[in-house]
N, C-alpha and C. Protein backbone atom coordinates (compact mmCIF):
# COMPACT_ATOMS: atom_id res chain seq x y z
N VAL A 1 63.03 -56.07 40.39
CA VAL A 1 62.99 -56.55 41.75
C VAL A 1 63.97 -55.70 42.54
N VAL A 2 63.55 -55.19 43.69
CA VAL A 2 64.36 -54.28 44.50
C VAL A 2 64.72 -54.96 45.81
N PHE A 3 66.02 -54.90 46.16
CA PHE A 3 66.53 -55.45 47.41
C PHE A 3 67.27 -54.34 48.16
N ASP A 4 67.38 -54.48 49.47
CA ASP A 4 68.20 -53.54 50.22
C ASP A 4 69.66 -53.97 50.13
N ALA A 5 70.55 -53.22 50.78
CA ALA A 5 71.99 -53.49 50.68
C ALA A 5 72.39 -54.84 51.26
N LYS A 6 71.55 -55.44 52.11
CA LYS A 6 71.85 -56.74 52.71
C LYS A 6 71.19 -57.89 51.95
N GLY A 7 70.49 -57.57 50.86
CA GLY A 7 69.86 -58.61 50.05
C GLY A 7 68.43 -58.92 50.43
N LYS A 8 67.84 -58.13 51.32
CA LYS A 8 66.45 -58.36 51.72
C LYS A 8 65.51 -57.81 50.63
N TYR A 9 64.56 -58.65 50.21
CA TYR A 9 63.57 -58.24 49.21
C TYR A 9 62.75 -57.07 49.75
N LEU A 10 62.61 -56.03 48.93
CA LEU A 10 61.80 -54.87 49.32
C LEU A 10 60.49 -54.79 48.53
N ARG A 11 60.59 -54.90 47.20
CA ARG A 11 59.40 -54.79 46.36
C ARG A 11 59.76 -55.17 44.93
N SER A 12 58.74 -55.27 44.11
CA SER A 12 58.96 -55.47 42.68
C SER A 12 57.86 -54.74 41.93
N TRP A 13 58.09 -54.53 40.66
CA TRP A 13 57.09 -53.88 39.81
C TRP A 13 57.36 -54.23 38.35
N GLY A 14 56.39 -54.01 37.50
CA GLY A 14 56.55 -54.24 36.06
C GLY A 14 56.06 -55.58 35.55
N LYS A 15 55.56 -56.43 36.44
CA LYS A 15 55.11 -57.75 35.99
C LYS A 15 54.06 -57.62 34.89
N GLY A 16 54.29 -58.34 33.79
CA GLY A 16 53.36 -58.34 32.67
C GLY A 16 53.50 -57.14 31.73
N MET A 17 54.44 -56.25 32.03
CA MET A 17 54.58 -55.02 31.25
C MET A 17 55.49 -55.18 30.04
N PHE A 18 56.44 -56.10 30.10
CA PHE A 18 57.48 -56.19 29.08
C PHE A 18 57.31 -57.41 28.19
N GLY A 19 57.66 -57.23 26.91
CA GLY A 19 57.71 -58.36 26.00
C GLY A 19 58.96 -59.19 26.25
N ASN A 20 60.10 -58.53 26.46
CA ASN A 20 61.35 -59.18 26.81
C ASN A 20 62.31 -58.11 27.35
N ALA A 21 62.23 -57.88 28.65
CA ALA A 21 63.13 -56.90 29.27
C ALA A 21 64.57 -57.38 29.07
N HIS A 22 65.43 -56.50 28.53
CA HIS A 22 66.77 -56.93 28.15
C HIS A 22 67.86 -56.18 28.91
N GLY A 23 67.77 -54.86 28.99
CA GLY A 23 68.80 -54.07 29.65
C GLY A 23 68.20 -53.14 30.69
N MET A 24 68.99 -52.82 31.72
CA MET A 24 68.53 -51.90 32.74
C MET A 24 69.71 -51.07 33.22
N ARG A 25 69.51 -49.77 33.36
CA ARG A 25 70.50 -48.86 33.90
C ARG A 25 69.79 -47.86 34.82
N VAL A 26 70.53 -47.35 35.78
CA VAL A 26 70.01 -46.33 36.69
C VAL A 26 70.82 -45.06 36.44
N ASP A 27 70.13 -43.95 36.21
CA ASP A 27 70.84 -42.70 35.93
C ASP A 27 71.14 -41.94 37.22
N ARG A 28 71.80 -40.82 37.10
CA ARG A 28 72.23 -40.04 38.26
C ARG A 28 71.07 -39.45 39.06
N ASN A 29 69.87 -39.44 38.48
CA ASN A 29 68.67 -38.95 39.17
C ASN A 29 67.87 -40.09 39.80
N ARG A 30 68.47 -41.29 39.87
CA ARG A 30 67.82 -42.49 40.41
C ARG A 30 66.63 -42.94 39.56
N LYS A 31 66.64 -42.59 38.29
CA LYS A 31 65.60 -43.06 37.36
C LYS A 31 66.09 -44.38 36.77
N ILE A 32 65.15 -45.31 36.60
CA ILE A 32 65.47 -46.63 36.09
C ILE A 32 65.05 -46.69 34.63
N TRP A 33 65.99 -47.04 33.76
CA TRP A 33 65.75 -47.16 32.32
C TRP A 33 65.81 -48.64 31.95
N VAL A 34 64.84 -49.08 31.15
CA VAL A 34 64.77 -50.49 30.75
C VAL A 34 64.57 -50.59 29.24
N THR A 35 65.36 -51.44 28.59
CA THR A 35 65.11 -51.75 27.18
C THR A 35 64.24 -53.00 27.12
N ASP A 36 63.25 -52.95 26.25
CA ASP A 36 62.36 -54.08 26.01
C ASP A 36 62.52 -54.46 24.55
N ASN A 37 63.38 -55.47 24.29
CA ASN A 37 63.61 -55.82 22.89
C ASN A 37 62.52 -56.72 22.32
N GLY A 38 61.58 -57.14 23.13
CA GLY A 38 60.43 -57.89 22.63
C GLY A 38 59.35 -56.97 22.07
N ASP A 39 59.12 -55.85 22.75
CA ASP A 39 58.08 -54.91 22.33
C ASP A 39 58.62 -53.66 21.66
N GLN A 40 59.96 -53.60 21.44
CA GLN A 40 60.59 -52.50 20.69
C GLN A 40 60.51 -51.15 21.42
N GLN A 41 60.70 -51.16 22.73
CA GLN A 41 60.57 -49.92 23.48
C GLN A 41 61.68 -49.72 24.51
N VAL A 42 61.81 -48.47 24.96
CA VAL A 42 62.69 -48.10 26.05
C VAL A 42 61.85 -47.29 27.04
N PHE A 43 61.99 -47.60 28.32
CA PHE A 43 61.17 -46.95 29.35
C PHE A 43 62.05 -46.26 30.39
N ARG A 44 61.51 -45.17 30.95
CA ARG A 44 62.13 -44.55 32.13
C ARG A 44 61.10 -44.55 33.24
N PHE A 45 61.52 -45.06 34.41
CA PHE A 45 60.67 -45.13 35.60
C PHE A 45 61.30 -44.32 36.72
N ASP A 46 60.47 -43.85 37.65
CA ASP A 46 61.06 -43.30 38.87
C ASP A 46 61.47 -44.47 39.76
N HIS A 47 62.13 -44.20 40.88
CA HIS A 47 62.67 -45.30 41.70
C HIS A 47 61.59 -46.13 42.39
N THR A 48 60.31 -45.69 42.33
CA THR A 48 59.22 -46.49 42.88
C THR A 48 58.57 -47.38 41.83
N GLY A 49 58.96 -47.19 40.55
CA GLY A 49 58.39 -47.99 39.47
C GLY A 49 57.31 -47.27 38.68
N LYS A 50 57.11 -45.99 38.93
CA LYS A 50 56.12 -45.23 38.17
C LYS A 50 56.70 -44.88 36.80
N LEU A 51 55.97 -45.24 35.74
CA LEU A 51 56.41 -44.96 34.38
C LEU A 51 56.40 -43.46 34.12
N GLU A 52 57.54 -42.94 33.62
CA GLU A 52 57.66 -41.51 33.32
C GLU A 52 57.82 -41.21 31.84
N LEU A 53 58.42 -42.13 31.09
CA LEU A 53 58.72 -41.86 29.69
C LEU A 53 58.77 -43.17 28.92
N THR A 54 58.22 -43.15 27.71
CA THR A 54 58.30 -44.31 26.82
C THR A 54 58.84 -43.85 25.48
N LEU A 55 59.86 -44.53 24.99
CA LEU A 55 60.39 -44.31 23.65
C LEU A 55 60.07 -45.55 22.82
N GLY A 56 59.77 -45.34 21.55
CA GLY A 56 59.42 -46.45 20.68
C GLY A 56 57.92 -46.68 20.65
N ILE A 57 57.50 -47.45 19.67
CA ILE A 57 56.08 -47.78 19.50
C ILE A 57 55.92 -49.26 19.77
N LYS A 58 55.07 -49.60 20.73
CA LYS A 58 54.91 -50.99 21.15
C LYS A 58 54.62 -51.90 19.96
N GLY A 59 55.48 -52.90 19.81
CA GLY A 59 55.28 -53.92 18.78
C GLY A 59 55.68 -53.51 17.37
N LYS A 60 56.15 -52.27 17.17
CA LYS A 60 56.51 -51.82 15.83
C LYS A 60 58.03 -51.75 15.70
N ALA A 61 58.58 -52.64 14.90
CA ALA A 61 60.01 -52.65 14.61
C ALA A 61 60.25 -51.90 13.31
N ALA A 62 61.10 -50.87 13.36
CA ALA A 62 61.40 -50.10 12.15
C ALA A 62 62.71 -49.35 12.35
N THR A 63 63.03 -48.47 11.41
CA THR A 63 64.34 -47.80 11.42
C THR A 63 64.25 -46.27 11.46
N ASP A 64 63.09 -45.70 11.72
CA ASP A 64 63.00 -44.25 11.76
C ASP A 64 63.34 -43.72 13.15
N GLU A 65 63.21 -42.42 13.36
CA GLU A 65 63.60 -41.81 14.63
C GLU A 65 62.63 -42.08 15.78
N LYS A 66 61.48 -42.67 15.50
CA LYS A 66 60.50 -42.96 16.55
C LYS A 66 60.40 -44.43 16.90
N THR A 67 61.21 -45.27 16.24
CA THR A 67 61.10 -46.71 16.45
C THR A 67 62.46 -47.35 16.69
N PHE A 68 62.40 -48.55 17.25
CA PHE A 68 63.57 -49.39 17.45
C PHE A 68 63.31 -50.74 16.78
N ASN A 69 64.35 -51.55 16.72
CA ASN A 69 64.19 -52.93 16.32
C ASN A 69 65.06 -53.76 17.25
N ARG A 70 64.49 -54.11 18.39
CA ARG A 70 65.11 -54.90 19.44
C ARG A 70 66.27 -54.15 20.13
N PRO A 71 65.95 -53.04 20.81
CA PRO A 71 66.97 -52.28 21.53
C PRO A 71 67.58 -53.10 22.66
N THR A 72 68.86 -52.81 22.96
CA THR A 72 69.60 -53.66 23.89
C THR A 72 70.08 -52.97 25.16
N ASP A 73 70.45 -51.68 25.11
CA ASP A 73 71.10 -51.06 26.27
C ASP A 73 70.91 -49.55 26.24
N ILE A 74 71.27 -48.89 27.35
CA ILE A 74 71.13 -47.45 27.52
C ILE A 74 72.37 -46.91 28.20
N ALA A 75 72.77 -45.69 27.83
CA ALA A 75 73.87 -44.99 28.52
C ALA A 75 73.54 -43.51 28.57
N PHE A 76 74.26 -42.78 29.42
CA PHE A 76 73.95 -41.37 29.66
C PHE A 76 75.18 -40.50 29.49
N SER A 77 74.99 -39.31 28.95
CA SER A 77 76.09 -38.35 28.84
C SER A 77 76.52 -37.95 30.25
N PRO A 78 77.77 -37.50 30.42
CA PRO A 78 78.26 -37.15 31.76
C PRO A 78 77.42 -36.08 32.46
N ASP A 79 76.86 -35.14 31.69
CA ASP A 79 76.04 -34.09 32.30
C ASP A 79 74.58 -34.49 32.48
N GLY A 80 74.22 -35.70 32.03
CA GLY A 80 72.85 -36.20 32.18
C GLY A 80 71.85 -35.64 31.19
N ARG A 81 72.30 -34.85 30.24
CA ARG A 81 71.37 -34.23 29.29
C ARG A 81 70.95 -35.15 28.15
N PHE A 82 71.77 -36.18 27.87
CA PHE A 82 71.49 -37.04 26.72
C PHE A 82 71.48 -38.51 27.11
N VAL A 83 70.70 -39.27 26.34
CA VAL A 83 70.56 -40.71 26.53
C VAL A 83 70.93 -41.38 25.20
N TYR A 84 71.77 -42.41 25.28
CA TYR A 84 72.15 -43.19 24.11
C TYR A 84 71.52 -44.56 24.21
N VAL A 85 70.93 -45.02 23.12
CA VAL A 85 70.29 -46.34 23.09
C VAL A 85 70.99 -47.17 22.02
N SER A 86 71.46 -48.36 22.41
CA SER A 86 71.99 -49.28 21.40
C SER A 86 70.81 -50.07 20.84
N ASP A 87 70.55 -49.84 19.58
CA ASP A 87 69.42 -50.47 18.88
C ASP A 87 70.02 -51.56 18.01
N GLY A 88 70.29 -52.72 18.67
CA GLY A 88 71.26 -53.60 18.09
C GLY A 88 70.90 -54.95 17.55
N TYR A 89 69.81 -55.54 17.94
CA TYR A 89 69.53 -56.88 17.40
C TYR A 89 68.93 -56.80 16.00
N GLY A 90 67.95 -55.96 15.80
CA GLY A 90 67.34 -55.82 14.47
C GLY A 90 67.94 -54.71 13.65
N ASN A 91 68.33 -53.62 14.32
CA ASN A 91 69.01 -52.51 13.66
C ASN A 91 70.48 -52.53 14.06
N SER A 92 71.27 -51.79 13.37
CA SER A 92 72.71 -51.73 13.64
C SER A 92 73.08 -50.27 13.85
N ARG A 93 72.59 -49.70 14.95
CA ARG A 93 72.78 -48.27 15.14
C ARG A 93 72.76 -47.89 16.62
N VAL A 94 73.25 -46.68 16.87
CA VAL A 94 73.13 -46.03 18.17
C VAL A 94 72.21 -44.84 17.96
N MET A 95 71.26 -44.64 18.87
CA MET A 95 70.35 -43.50 18.80
C MET A 95 70.61 -42.59 20.00
N LYS A 96 70.57 -41.29 19.76
CA LYS A 96 70.79 -40.30 20.80
C LYS A 96 69.52 -39.49 20.99
N PHE A 97 69.11 -39.34 22.27
CA PHE A 97 67.92 -38.58 22.63
C PHE A 97 68.27 -37.58 23.73
N THR A 98 67.45 -36.54 23.86
CA THR A 98 67.56 -35.70 25.03
C THR A 98 66.99 -36.48 26.21
N TYR A 99 67.26 -36.02 27.41
CA TYR A 99 66.78 -36.72 28.61
C TYR A 99 65.26 -36.83 28.63
N ASP A 100 64.57 -35.85 28.03
CA ASP A 100 63.11 -35.90 28.01
C ASP A 100 62.55 -36.63 26.79
N GLY A 101 63.43 -37.30 26.01
CA GLY A 101 62.96 -38.19 24.95
C GLY A 101 62.91 -37.63 23.55
N LYS A 102 63.44 -36.43 23.33
CA LYS A 102 63.44 -35.87 21.97
C LYS A 102 64.60 -36.47 21.18
N PHE A 103 64.30 -36.97 19.98
CA PHE A 103 65.32 -37.55 19.11
C PHE A 103 66.34 -36.48 18.73
N VAL A 104 67.64 -36.84 18.80
CA VAL A 104 68.72 -35.93 18.42
C VAL A 104 69.42 -36.43 17.15
N SER A 105 69.89 -37.68 17.18
CA SER A 105 70.65 -38.20 16.04
C SER A 105 70.76 -39.71 16.13
N THR A 106 71.30 -40.28 15.07
CA THR A 106 71.58 -41.71 15.04
C THR A 106 72.81 -41.94 14.16
N TRP A 107 73.53 -43.02 14.43
CA TRP A 107 74.64 -43.39 13.56
C TRP A 107 74.81 -44.90 13.56
N GLY A 108 75.41 -45.39 12.46
CA GLY A 108 75.68 -46.81 12.29
C GLY A 108 74.81 -47.43 11.22
N THR A 109 75.41 -48.39 10.52
CA THR A 109 74.71 -49.19 9.51
C THR A 109 75.21 -50.62 9.65
N PRO A 110 74.50 -51.58 9.07
CA PRO A 110 74.97 -52.97 9.14
C PRO A 110 76.29 -53.17 8.38
N GLY A 111 77.17 -53.98 8.95
CA GLY A 111 78.41 -54.31 8.25
C GLY A 111 79.58 -54.48 9.20
N SER A 112 80.78 -54.56 8.62
CA SER A 112 81.98 -54.77 9.42
C SER A 112 83.04 -53.68 9.21
N ALA A 113 82.75 -52.68 8.41
CA ALA A 113 83.67 -51.57 8.21
C ALA A 113 83.61 -50.64 9.43
N PRO A 114 84.56 -49.74 9.59
CA PRO A 114 84.49 -48.78 10.69
C PRO A 114 83.15 -48.01 10.67
N SER A 115 82.60 -47.79 11.85
CA SER A 115 81.30 -47.13 12.06
C SER A 115 80.11 -47.98 11.63
N GLN A 116 80.35 -49.21 11.22
CA GLN A 116 79.28 -50.16 10.97
C GLN A 116 79.23 -51.15 12.13
N PHE A 117 78.09 -51.83 12.26
CA PHE A 117 77.90 -52.73 13.40
C PHE A 117 77.26 -54.04 12.97
N ASN A 118 77.56 -55.07 13.76
CA ASN A 118 76.88 -56.36 13.66
C ASN A 118 76.53 -56.75 15.09
N THR A 119 75.35 -56.39 15.51
CA THR A 119 74.79 -56.57 16.86
C THR A 119 75.40 -55.56 17.84
N VAL A 120 74.79 -54.40 17.88
CA VAL A 120 75.14 -53.36 18.85
C VAL A 120 74.53 -53.81 20.18
N HIS A 121 75.36 -54.39 21.05
CA HIS A 121 74.81 -55.05 22.23
C HIS A 121 74.88 -54.24 23.51
N SER A 122 75.82 -53.33 23.62
CA SER A 122 75.94 -52.53 24.83
C SER A 122 76.53 -51.17 24.47
N VAL A 123 76.23 -50.18 25.31
CA VAL A 123 76.74 -48.84 25.10
C VAL A 123 77.08 -48.24 26.46
N ALA A 124 78.16 -47.46 26.52
CA ALA A 124 78.56 -46.80 27.76
C ALA A 124 79.25 -45.49 27.40
N VAL A 125 79.29 -44.55 28.36
CA VAL A 125 79.89 -43.24 28.13
C VAL A 125 80.84 -42.94 29.27
N ASP A 126 82.06 -42.48 28.94
CA ASP A 126 83.02 -42.14 30.00
C ASP A 126 82.83 -40.69 30.46
N SER A 127 83.64 -40.25 31.40
CA SER A 127 83.48 -38.92 31.99
C SER A 127 83.77 -37.78 31.01
N ARG A 128 84.45 -38.07 29.92
CA ARG A 128 84.74 -37.06 28.89
C ARG A 128 83.68 -37.04 27.79
N GLY A 129 82.73 -37.97 27.84
CA GLY A 129 81.67 -38.02 26.83
C GLY A 129 81.91 -38.98 25.70
N THR A 130 83.03 -39.70 25.71
CA THR A 130 83.29 -40.69 24.67
C THR A 130 82.26 -41.82 24.79
N VAL A 131 81.67 -42.18 23.66
CA VAL A 131 80.64 -43.23 23.61
C VAL A 131 81.30 -44.53 23.16
N TYR A 132 81.25 -45.55 24.01
CA TYR A 132 81.81 -46.87 23.73
C TYR A 132 80.67 -47.78 23.30
N VAL A 133 80.84 -48.42 22.15
CA VAL A 133 79.78 -49.26 21.60
C VAL A 133 80.29 -50.68 21.42
N SER A 134 79.62 -51.63 22.04
CA SER A 134 79.94 -53.03 21.86
C SER A 134 79.38 -53.48 20.52
N ASP A 135 80.26 -53.75 19.59
CA ASP A 135 79.92 -54.27 18.27
C ASP A 135 80.16 -55.78 18.35
N ARG A 136 79.24 -56.46 19.03
CA ARG A 136 79.46 -57.81 19.53
C ARG A 136 79.91 -58.83 18.48
N GLU A 137 79.17 -58.97 17.42
CA GLU A 137 79.50 -60.02 16.45
C GLU A 137 80.68 -59.66 15.56
N ASN A 138 81.11 -58.42 15.57
CA ASN A 138 82.36 -58.04 14.91
C ASN A 138 83.54 -58.11 15.87
N ASN A 139 83.29 -58.57 17.09
CA ASN A 139 84.35 -58.77 18.10
C ASN A 139 85.19 -57.50 18.32
N ARG A 140 84.50 -56.41 18.58
CA ARG A 140 85.22 -55.15 18.80
C ARG A 140 84.38 -54.16 19.59
N ILE A 141 85.06 -53.15 20.09
CA ILE A 141 84.41 -52.00 20.70
C ILE A 141 84.83 -50.79 19.88
N GLN A 142 83.83 -50.02 19.45
CA GLN A 142 84.12 -48.81 18.70
C GLN A 142 83.83 -47.61 19.60
N MET A 143 84.68 -46.60 19.54
CA MET A 143 84.52 -45.40 20.36
C MET A 143 84.23 -44.20 19.47
N PHE A 144 83.28 -43.37 19.92
CA PHE A 144 82.78 -42.25 19.13
C PHE A 144 82.71 -40.98 19.97
N THR A 145 82.71 -39.84 19.26
CA THR A 145 82.38 -38.58 19.92
C THR A 145 80.88 -38.61 20.25
N PRO A 146 80.39 -37.69 21.07
CA PRO A 146 78.95 -37.65 21.34
C PRO A 146 78.10 -37.40 20.09
N GLU A 147 78.73 -36.91 19.02
CA GLU A 147 78.01 -36.66 17.77
C GLU A 147 78.07 -37.86 16.82
N GLY A 148 78.82 -38.91 17.19
CA GLY A 148 78.89 -40.11 16.37
C GLY A 148 80.09 -40.19 15.44
N LYS A 149 81.09 -39.35 15.64
CA LYS A 149 82.31 -39.43 14.82
C LYS A 149 83.23 -40.49 15.42
N LEU A 150 83.67 -41.42 14.58
CA LEU A 150 84.53 -42.51 15.04
C LEU A 150 85.88 -41.97 15.53
N LEU A 151 86.30 -42.42 16.72
CA LEU A 151 87.58 -42.05 17.30
C LEU A 151 88.61 -43.16 17.18
N ARG A 152 88.22 -44.38 17.57
CA ARG A 152 89.14 -45.52 17.53
C ARG A 152 88.34 -46.82 17.70
N ILE A 153 89.05 -47.93 17.47
CA ILE A 153 88.43 -49.26 17.56
C ILE A 153 89.35 -50.17 18.35
N TRP A 154 88.79 -50.91 19.31
CA TRP A 154 89.53 -51.96 20.02
C TRP A 154 89.09 -53.30 19.45
N THR A 155 90.04 -54.12 19.06
CA THR A 155 89.72 -55.43 18.49
C THR A 155 90.33 -56.57 19.30
N HIS A 156 90.90 -56.30 20.44
CA HIS A 156 91.64 -57.30 21.21
C HIS A 156 90.84 -57.90 22.37
N LEU A 157 89.55 -57.61 22.47
CA LEU A 157 88.79 -58.00 23.65
C LEU A 157 87.77 -59.11 23.43
N GLY A 158 87.64 -59.62 22.25
CA GLY A 158 86.65 -60.66 21.99
C GLY A 158 85.27 -60.07 21.77
N SER A 159 84.27 -60.87 21.99
CA SER A 159 82.88 -60.50 21.77
C SER A 159 82.29 -59.95 23.07
N THR A 160 82.04 -58.66 23.12
CA THR A 160 81.56 -58.04 24.36
C THR A 160 80.05 -58.12 24.51
N GLN A 161 79.63 -58.55 25.69
CA GLN A 161 78.21 -58.65 26.02
C GLN A 161 77.69 -57.40 26.72
N ASN A 162 78.53 -56.83 27.58
CA ASN A 162 78.10 -55.68 28.36
C ASN A 162 79.31 -54.83 28.72
N ILE A 163 79.10 -53.52 28.72
CA ILE A 163 80.13 -52.55 29.09
C ILE A 163 79.61 -51.71 30.24
N PHE A 164 80.47 -51.44 31.21
CA PHE A 164 80.15 -50.51 32.28
C PHE A 164 81.38 -49.66 32.55
N ILE A 165 81.20 -48.35 32.64
CA ILE A 165 82.30 -47.45 32.95
C ILE A 165 81.97 -46.76 34.26
N ALA A 166 82.82 -46.98 35.27
CA ALA A 166 82.63 -46.40 36.60
C ALA A 166 82.90 -44.89 36.55
N PRO A 167 82.45 -44.15 37.56
CA PRO A 167 82.68 -42.69 37.59
C PRO A 167 84.15 -42.29 37.48
N ASN A 168 85.06 -43.16 37.91
CA ASN A 168 86.49 -42.86 37.79
C ASN A 168 87.07 -43.33 36.45
N ASP A 169 86.20 -43.67 35.50
CA ASP A 169 86.54 -44.15 34.16
C ASP A 169 87.16 -45.54 34.14
N GLU A 170 87.03 -46.28 35.23
CA GLU A 170 87.44 -47.68 35.20
C GLU A 170 86.47 -48.42 34.29
N PHE A 171 87.01 -49.22 33.38
CA PHE A 171 86.23 -49.88 32.34
C PHE A 171 85.99 -51.34 32.72
N TRP A 172 84.72 -51.73 32.81
CA TRP A 172 84.34 -53.11 33.12
C TRP A 172 83.55 -53.67 31.94
N MET A 173 83.74 -54.97 31.67
CA MET A 173 82.99 -55.58 30.58
C MET A 173 82.88 -57.08 30.78
N ILE A 174 81.91 -57.65 30.08
CA ILE A 174 81.77 -59.11 29.98
C ILE A 174 82.10 -59.45 28.53
N THR A 175 82.96 -60.46 28.34
CA THR A 175 83.35 -60.83 26.99
C THR A 175 83.46 -62.36 26.89
N HIS A 176 83.38 -62.85 25.67
CA HIS A 176 83.64 -64.27 25.38
C HIS A 176 84.11 -64.40 23.95
N ARG A 177 84.48 -65.59 23.54
CA ARG A 177 84.96 -65.89 22.19
C ARG A 177 86.16 -65.04 21.80
N GLU A 178 87.18 -65.03 22.63
CA GLU A 178 88.37 -64.21 22.31
C GLU A 178 89.10 -64.72 21.12
């Protein structure tokens, strides 16, 4: 649903398209990315709602490079060349793609050890390229290089639902169960 800056309804699109739309982000090119954890897909639309790219296979939950299992969120590298998807309800991993949808890499396995996840719920990237991953049910945020090498872990913030990093690297999040 699209509104102007004063809250006036402008238009909507996508009705009947999603199994369960879960996350939405807008990239620097004004493209809208949506995770559909009901149908196991990630979509990129132009700002008018025209579908441009689909990742995942509708209705197929799996663990290979072409599938998701209930993806939750999307983030972008600072230069806009890469897209990170938190594939977190059914899988416990982060997937990295080129902007045009080519699979690059993945990292993470189920568990509570470093670099493991229990519900990868949100992902964000700062201006230096550090990837912040909400490891929700482990009550922590893990930080990685763009290649997936663990840098550090924050355990003092509770269970994070969503992460947002502003262009000035100000860190915003929703948390509960501290």
